[in-house]
Amino acid sequence: MIGKAALIWCPFGNEAEARETLEQLLNERLVACGNILPGVYSAFLWEGKRDHSAECGVLFKTAAARLDAAMTRLEHLHSYDRPAISGWTVRASAGTIDWLEAETGTRAETGTRAEAGTRGGGRDPGGGRGGGPAGRGAQ
């Protein structure tokens, strides 16, 4: 079974702000995971002028039902005047959907539940090496 999840991409001015914002969104259960990618080079137009900056990108993972709320909260928490926040729904495996909905508290809202045994091989839906619940006893 394949269902819908959501991803949010957002650059930050530094890794400390990225981590702080990720922790806040996790605490509020608006996201289930975030992958912080330091060393992002950004080239852009701002107020009619070309510029560039070293930034830190974050890819947030959440249940589709939390996408709008997570993006709104992220915009409020961000230090940029107009942060570049992009969110979209994606197809995801049943195990990933189950994990995202369990961690964001949306399982009851969506009425979905992955069938037992669909997570095969103990793979981590968060992307490996600590990005999700594998090996932590959480299902």
N, C-alpha and C. Protein backbone atom coordinates (compact mmCIF):
# COMPACT_ATOMS: atom_id res chain seq x y z
N MET A 1 0.85 -1.19 0.00
CA MET A 1 0.00 0.00 0.00
C MET A 1 0.89 1.24 0.00
N ILE A 2 0.59 2.17 -0.85
CA ILE A 2 1.32 3.43 -0.93
C ILE A 2 0.34 4.54 -0.56
N GLY A 3 0.80 5.49 0.24
CA GLY A 3 -0.04 6.60 0.66
C GLY A 3 0.69 7.91 0.47
N LYS A 4 0.14 8.96 1.04
CA LYS A 4 0.73 10.28 0.88
C LYS A 4 1.40 10.74 2.17
N ALA A 5 2.57 11.29 1.99
CA ALA A 5 3.33 11.93 3.05
C ALA A 5 3.60 13.35 2.55
N ALA A 6 4.38 14.10 3.28
CA ALA A 6 4.72 15.45 2.83
C ALA A 6 6.17 15.75 3.18
N LEU A 7 6.79 16.54 2.34
CA LEU A 7 8.15 17.02 2.55
C LEU A 7 8.12 18.54 2.52
N ILE A 8 9.01 19.14 3.30
CA ILE A 8 9.15 20.59 3.31
C ILE A 8 10.64 20.90 3.21
N TRP A 9 11.00 21.76 2.28
CA TRP A 9 12.38 22.20 2.12
C TRP A 9 12.47 23.65 2.57
N CYS A 10 13.51 23.95 3.35
CA CYS A 10 13.70 25.32 3.81
C CYS A 10 15.16 25.58 4.12
N PRO A 11 15.74 26.64 3.57
CA PRO A 11 17.11 27.02 3.93
C PRO A 11 17.11 27.95 5.16
N PHE A 12 18.20 27.87 5.93
CA PHE A 12 18.40 28.70 7.11
C PHE A 12 19.75 29.39 7.01
N GLY A 13 19.92 30.47 7.74
CA GLY A 13 21.17 31.22 7.73
C GLY A 13 22.32 30.50 8.40
N ASN A 14 22.01 29.58 9.32
CA ASN A 14 23.06 28.83 10.00
C ASN A 14 22.50 27.54 10.58
N GLU A 15 23.39 26.63 10.94
CA GLU A 15 22.99 25.33 11.43
C GLU A 15 22.31 25.41 12.79
N ALA A 16 22.73 26.33 13.63
CA ALA A 16 22.11 26.46 14.96
C ALA A 16 20.62 26.78 14.85
N GLU A 17 20.27 27.72 13.97
CA GLU A 17 18.86 28.06 13.79
C GLU A 17 18.10 26.88 13.18
N ALA A 18 18.73 26.19 12.25
CA ALA A 18 18.09 25.02 11.63
C ALA A 18 17.77 23.97 12.69
N ARG A 19 18.73 23.68 13.56
CA ARG A 19 18.54 22.68 14.63
C ARG A 19 17.45 23.12 15.61
N GLU A 20 17.50 24.38 16.01
CA GLU A 20 16.51 24.91 16.96
C GLU A 20 15.10 24.82 16.39
N THR A 21 14.95 25.18 15.13
CA THR A 21 13.64 25.13 14.49
C THR A 21 13.17 23.69 14.33
N LEU A 22 14.06 22.81 13.93
CA LEU A 22 13.71 21.39 13.82
C LEU A 22 13.24 20.85 15.17
N GLU A 23 13.96 21.14 16.23
CA GLU A 23 13.58 20.67 17.56
C GLU A 23 12.21 21.18 17.96
N GLN A 24 11.92 22.45 17.64
CA GLN A 24 10.62 23.02 17.98
C GLN A 24 9.50 22.32 17.22
N LEU A 25 9.69 22.08 15.93
CA LEU A 25 8.66 21.41 15.13
C LEU A 25 8.47 19.96 15.58
N LEU A 26 9.55 19.29 15.99
CA LEU A 26 9.44 17.94 16.54
C LEU A 26 8.66 17.97 17.86
N ASN A 27 8.99 18.91 18.73
CA ASN A 27 8.30 19.03 20.02
C ASN A 27 6.80 19.26 19.84
N GLU A 28 6.44 20.01 18.82
CA GLU A 28 5.03 20.31 18.55
C GLU A 28 4.36 19.23 17.71
N ARG A 29 5.11 18.20 17.35
CA ARG A 29 4.62 17.07 16.55
C ARG A 29 4.08 17.50 15.19
N LEU A 30 4.65 18.56 14.65
CA LEU A 30 4.28 19.00 13.31
C LEU A 30 5.10 18.28 12.25
N VAL A 31 6.26 17.77 12.63
CA VAL A 31 7.08 16.95 11.76
C VAL A 31 7.54 15.73 12.55
N ALA A 32 7.93 14.69 11.82
CA ALA A 32 8.45 13.48 12.46
C ALA A 32 9.96 13.37 12.30
N CYS A 33 10.53 14.16 11.40
CA CYS A 33 11.96 14.04 11.11
C CYS A 33 12.42 15.26 10.33
N GLY A 34 13.70 15.54 10.43
CA GLY A 34 14.31 16.56 9.59
C GLY A 34 15.74 16.18 9.30
N ASN A 35 16.15 16.36 8.07
CA ASN A 35 17.53 16.12 7.67
C ASN A 35 18.20 17.46 7.44
N ILE A 36 19.21 17.75 8.25
CA ILE A 36 19.92 19.03 8.17
C ILE A 36 21.11 18.86 7.23
N LEU A 37 21.20 19.75 6.25
CA LEU A 37 22.23 19.70 5.22
C LEU A 37 23.06 20.98 5.27
N PRO A 38 24.13 21.00 6.05
CA PRO A 38 24.97 22.20 6.11
C PRO A 38 25.75 22.38 4.81
N GLY A 39 26.26 23.56 4.60
CA GLY A 39 27.10 23.82 3.44
C GLY A 39 26.34 24.00 2.14
N VAL A 40 25.12 24.49 2.19
CA VAL A 40 24.33 24.76 0.99
C VAL A 40 24.78 26.11 0.43
N TYR A 41 25.13 26.14 -0.84
CA TYR A 41 25.46 27.38 -1.51
C TYR A 41 24.20 27.87 -2.22
N SER A 42 23.79 29.08 -1.92
CA SER A 42 22.59 29.65 -2.53
C SER A 42 22.96 30.88 -3.35
N ALA A 43 22.50 30.93 -4.60
CA ALA A 43 22.62 32.10 -5.45
C ALA A 43 21.20 32.53 -5.78
N PHE A 44 20.92 33.82 -5.67
CA PHE A 44 19.53 34.26 -5.79
C PHE A 44 19.45 35.74 -6.16
N LEU A 45 18.24 36.12 -6.54
CA LEU A 45 17.92 37.53 -6.75
C LEU A 45 17.13 37.99 -5.54
N TRP A 46 17.51 39.12 -4.97
CA TRP A 46 16.81 39.68 -3.82
C TRP A 46 16.73 41.18 -4.01
N GLU A 47 15.52 41.71 -4.03
CA GLU A 47 15.26 43.13 -4.22
C GLU A 47 15.95 43.65 -5.48
N GLY A 48 15.87 42.84 -6.56
CA GLY A 48 16.39 43.24 -7.85
C GLY A 48 17.89 43.06 -8.04
N LYS A 49 18.58 42.56 -7.03
CA LYS A 49 20.03 42.40 -7.13
C LYS A 49 20.40 40.93 -6.95
N ARG A 50 21.41 40.54 -7.69
CA ARG A 50 21.92 39.17 -7.58
C ARG A 50 22.80 39.08 -6.34
N ASP A 51 22.66 37.96 -5.60
CA ASP A 51 23.45 37.77 -4.38
C ASP A 51 23.72 36.28 -4.21
N HIS A 52 24.51 35.95 -3.23
CA HIS A 52 24.78 34.56 -2.88
C HIS A 52 25.04 34.47 -1.38
N SER A 53 24.88 33.27 -0.85
CA SER A 53 25.02 33.09 0.59
C SER A 53 25.31 31.63 0.91
N ALA A 54 26.02 31.41 1.98
CA ALA A 54 26.16 30.06 2.53
C ALA A 54 24.99 29.85 3.47
N GLU A 55 24.27 28.77 3.27
CA GLU A 55 23.10 28.49 4.09
C GLU A 55 23.14 27.04 4.57
N CYS A 56 22.16 26.70 5.36
CA CYS A 56 21.99 25.35 5.87
C CYS A 56 20.57 24.93 5.52
N GLY A 57 20.42 23.91 4.69
CA GLY A 57 19.10 23.46 4.27
C GLY A 57 18.56 22.38 5.18
N VAL A 58 17.23 22.32 5.29
CA VAL A 58 16.57 21.26 6.05
C VAL A 58 15.45 20.67 5.20
N LEU A 59 15.42 19.35 5.15
CA LEU A 59 14.32 18.63 4.54
C LEU A 59 13.51 18.01 5.68
N PHE A 60 12.32 18.54 5.89
CA PHE A 60 11.43 18.07 6.95
C PHE A 60 10.50 16.99 6.37
N LYS A 61 10.17 15.99 7.20
CA LYS A 61 9.25 14.91 6.80
C LYS A 61 8.06 14.93 7.75
N THR A 62 6.86 14.89 7.16
CA THR A 62 5.66 14.94 7.98
C THR A 62 4.52 14.19 7.29
N ALA A 63 3.44 14.03 8.03
CA ALA A 63 2.22 13.47 7.45
C ALA A 63 1.57 14.52 6.56
N ALA A 64 0.92 14.08 5.49
CA ALA A 64 0.27 15.02 4.58
C ALA A 64 -0.72 15.93 5.31
N ALA A 65 -1.39 15.41 6.33
CA ALA A 65 -2.37 16.19 7.09
C ALA A 65 -1.73 17.33 7.89
N ARG A 66 -0.42 17.30 8.10
CA ARG A 66 0.27 18.34 8.86
C ARG A 66 1.01 19.35 7.99
N LEU A 67 0.97 19.17 6.68
CA LEU A 67 1.75 20.02 5.78
C LEU A 67 1.47 21.51 5.97
N ASP A 68 0.24 21.92 5.88
CA ASP A 68 -0.08 23.35 5.99
C ASP A 68 0.29 23.92 7.35
N ALA A 69 -0.04 23.21 8.41
CA ALA A 69 0.27 23.69 9.77
C ALA A 69 1.77 23.78 9.99
N ALA A 70 2.52 22.80 9.49
CA ALA A 70 3.98 22.81 9.66
C ALA A 70 4.60 23.98 8.89
N MET A 71 4.13 24.24 7.68
CA MET A 71 4.66 25.35 6.89
C MET A 71 4.35 26.69 7.53
N THR A 72 3.15 26.84 8.04
CA THR A 72 2.76 28.09 8.70
C THR A 72 3.62 28.34 9.94
N ARG A 73 3.80 27.30 10.74
CA ARG A 73 4.61 27.43 11.96
C ARG A 73 6.07 27.69 11.61
N LEU A 74 6.58 27.02 10.61
CA LEU A 74 7.96 27.23 10.16
C LEU A 74 8.18 28.68 9.74
N GLU A 75 7.24 29.23 9.01
CA GLU A 75 7.36 30.63 8.60
C GLU A 75 7.40 31.55 9.81
N HIS A 76 6.62 31.25 10.83
CA HIS A 76 6.59 32.06 12.05
C HIS A 76 7.91 31.96 12.83
N LEU A 77 8.50 30.78 12.88
CA LEU A 77 9.73 30.55 13.64
C LEU A 77 10.98 31.08 12.94
N HIS A 78 10.95 31.17 11.62
CA HIS A 78 12.14 31.49 10.83
C HIS A 78 12.59 32.92 11.03
N SER A 79 13.89 33.15 10.99
CA SER A 79 14.43 34.50 11.19
C SER A 79 14.42 35.36 9.93
N TYR A 80 14.30 34.76 8.75
CA TYR A 80 14.27 35.54 7.52
C TYR A 80 12.94 36.29 7.41
N ASP A 81 12.99 37.47 6.76
CA ASP A 81 11.77 38.24 6.53
C ASP A 81 10.76 37.45 5.69
N ARG A 82 11.25 36.84 4.62
CA ARG A 82 10.42 36.04 3.72
C ARG A 82 11.15 34.74 3.41
N PRO A 83 11.09 33.78 4.32
CA PRO A 83 11.83 32.53 4.08
C PRO A 83 11.28 31.76 2.89
N ALA A 84 12.16 31.10 2.20
CA ALA A 84 11.78 30.28 1.04
C ALA A 84 11.38 28.90 1.54
N ILE A 85 10.11 28.72 1.80
CA ILE A 85 9.57 27.46 2.32
C ILE A 85 8.76 26.81 1.21
N SER A 86 9.15 25.59 0.85
CA SER A 86 8.43 24.85 -0.19
C SER A 86 7.96 23.54 0.40
N GLY A 87 6.69 23.22 0.24
CA GLY A 87 6.15 21.97 0.74
C GLY A 87 5.33 21.27 -0.33
N TRP A 88 5.38 19.94 -0.31
CA TRP A 88 4.63 19.18 -1.30
C TRP A 88 4.30 17.81 -0.74
N THR A 89 3.24 17.22 -1.28
CA THR A 89 2.90 15.85 -0.89
C THR A 89 3.63 14.89 -1.82
N VAL A 90 3.96 13.73 -1.26
CA VAL A 90 4.68 12.70 -2.00
C VAL A 90 4.07 11.34 -1.72
N ARG A 91 4.28 10.41 -2.61
CA ARG A 91 3.89 9.03 -2.36
C ARG A 91 4.94 8.42 -1.45
N ALA A 92 4.51 7.60 -0.50
CA ALA A 92 5.44 6.96 0.43
C ALA A 92 4.94 5.56 0.74
N SER A 93 5.84 4.72 1.20
CA SER A 93 5.47 3.35 1.55
C SER A 93 4.53 3.33 2.74
N ALA A 94 3.84 2.22 2.90
CA ALA A 94 2.90 2.07 4.01
C ALA A 94 3.61 2.24 5.36
N GLY A 95 4.80 1.67 5.47
CA GLY A 95 5.54 1.80 6.73
C GLY A 95 5.91 3.24 7.04
N THR A 96 6.29 3.98 6.03
CA THR A 96 6.63 5.39 6.23
C THR A 96 5.40 6.19 6.62
N ILE A 97 4.28 5.95 5.94
CA ILE A 97 3.04 6.65 6.28
C ILE A 97 2.64 6.34 7.72
N ASP A 98 2.71 5.09 8.09
CA ASP A 98 2.35 4.67 9.44
C ASP A 98 3.21 5.41 10.47
N TRP A 99 4.51 5.43 10.23
CA TRP A 99 5.45 6.12 11.14
C TRP A 99 5.14 7.62 11.22
N LEU A 100 4.99 8.28 10.07
CA LEU A 100 4.72 9.72 10.07
C LEU A 100 3.41 10.05 10.79
N GLU A 101 2.37 9.27 10.52
CA GLU A 101 1.08 9.54 11.16
C GLU A 101 1.13 9.25 12.66
N ALA A 102 1.84 8.21 13.06
CA ALA A 102 1.96 7.90 14.49
C ALA A 102 2.71 9.02 15.22
N GLU A 103 3.80 9.50 14.64
CA GLU A 103 4.63 10.49 15.32
C GLU A 103 4.04 11.90 15.29
N THR A 104 3.20 12.18 14.32
CA THR A 104 2.58 13.51 14.25
C THR A 104 1.15 13.52 14.80
N GLY A 105 0.71 12.37 15.28
CA GLY A 105 -0.63 12.28 15.87
C GLY A 105 -1.75 12.42 14.88
N THR A 106 -1.52 12.04 13.64
CA THR A 106 -2.56 12.20 12.61
C THR A 106 -3.23 10.89 12.22
N ARG A 107 -2.84 9.79 12.80
CA ARG A 107 -3.41 8.49 12.40
C ARG A 107 -4.93 8.50 12.56
N ALA A 108 -5.44 9.00 13.67
CA ALA A 108 -6.89 9.03 13.89
C ALA A 108 -7.58 9.96 12.90
N GLU A 109 -6.91 11.06 12.54
CA GLU A 109 -7.49 12.02 11.61
C GLU A 109 -7.64 11.44 10.21
N THR A 110 -6.67 10.64 9.78
CA THR A 110 -6.70 10.12 8.42
C THR A 110 -7.36 8.77 8.34
N GLY A 111 -7.43 8.08 9.46
CA GLY A 111 -8.06 6.77 9.48
C GLY A 111 -7.26 5.69 8.79
N THR A 112 -5.95 5.91 8.61
CA THR A 112 -5.12 4.91 7.96
C THR A 112 -4.25 4.20 8.98
N ARG A 113 -3.84 3.03 8.61
CA ARG A 113 -2.90 2.25 9.42
C ARG A 113 -2.27 1.24 8.51
N ALA A 114 -0.97 1.25 8.42
CA ALA A 114 -0.28 0.27 7.58
C ALA A 114 -0.46 -1.11 8.18
N GLU A 115 -0.54 -2.09 7.30
CA GLU A 115 -0.69 -3.47 7.78
C GLU A 115 0.58 -3.92 8.47
N ALA A 116 0.44 -4.74 9.49
CA ALA A 116 1.60 -5.26 10.21
C ALA A 116 2.49 -6.01 9.24
N GLY A 117 3.78 -5.88 9.44
CA GLY A 117 4.74 -6.61 8.63
C GLY A 117 5.10 -5.94 7.33
N THR A 118 4.63 -4.74 7.06
CA THR A 118 4.95 -4.10 5.79
C THR A 118 6.25 -3.33 5.84
N ARG A 119 6.89 -3.25 6.99
CA ARG A 119 8.10 -2.46 7.11
C ARG A 119 9.34 -3.25 6.75
N GLY A 120 9.22 -4.45 6.35
CA GLY A 120 10.26 -5.36 5.96
C GLY A 120 11.69 -4.99 6.27
N GLY A 121 12.41 -5.92 6.88
CA GLY A 121 13.83 -5.77 7.08
C GLY A 121 14.23 -4.74 8.10
N GLY A 122 13.32 -4.20 8.84
CA GLY A 122 13.67 -3.22 9.87
C GLY A 122 14.23 -1.93 9.30
N ARG A 123 13.95 -1.64 8.04
CA ARG A 123 14.47 -0.41 7.44
C ARG A 123 13.91 0.81 8.10
N ASP A 124 14.71 1.79 8.16
CA ASP A 124 14.39 3.04 8.81
C ASP A 124 13.71 3.98 7.82
N PRO A 125 12.41 4.31 7.99
CA PRO A 125 11.74 5.17 7.02
C PRO A 125 12.27 6.59 7.04
N GLY A 126 13.05 6.94 8.05
CA GLY A 126 13.60 8.29 8.14
C GLY A 126 14.85 8.48 7.31
N GLY A 127 15.30 7.45 6.60
CA GLY A 127 16.44 7.63 5.72
C GLY A 127 17.71 6.97 6.20
N GLY A 128 17.64 6.20 7.27
CA GLY A 128 18.81 5.47 7.74
C GLY A 128 19.60 6.23 8.77
N ARG A 129 20.39 5.51 9.52
CA ARG A 129 21.30 6.08 10.52
C ARG A 129 20.63 7.12 11.42
N GLY A 130 19.51 6.74 12.01
CA GLY A 130 18.92 7.61 13.01
C GLY A 130 17.85 8.55 12.52
N GLY A 131 17.43 8.47 11.26
CA GLY A 131 16.42 9.38 10.74
C GLY A 131 15.01 8.94 11.03
N GLY A 132 14.82 7.80 11.70
CA GLY A 132 13.49 7.31 11.96
C GLY A 132 13.49 6.29 13.08
N PRO A 133 12.44 5.50 13.22
CA PRO A 133 12.25 4.68 14.40
C PRO A 133 12.94 3.32 14.41
N ALA A 134 13.62 2.92 13.36
CA ALA A 134 14.20 1.58 13.33
C ALA A 134 15.10 1.33 14.52
N GLY A 135 14.92 0.19 15.15
CA GLY A 135 15.78 -0.19 16.27
C GLY A 135 15.49 0.54 17.55
N ARG A 136 14.44 1.31 17.60
CA ARG A 136 14.13 2.08 18.80
C ARG A 136 12.88 1.58 19.50
N GLY A 137 12.28 0.52 18.98
CA GLY A 137 11.09 -0.04 19.61
C GLY A 137 9.82 0.72 19.30
N ALA A 138 9.91 1.78 18.55
CA ALA A 138 8.71 2.56 18.20
C ALA A 138 8.18 2.08 16.86
N GLN A 139 6.90 1.90 16.75
CA GLN A 139 6.28 1.49 15.50
C GLN A 139 5.21 2.45 15.12
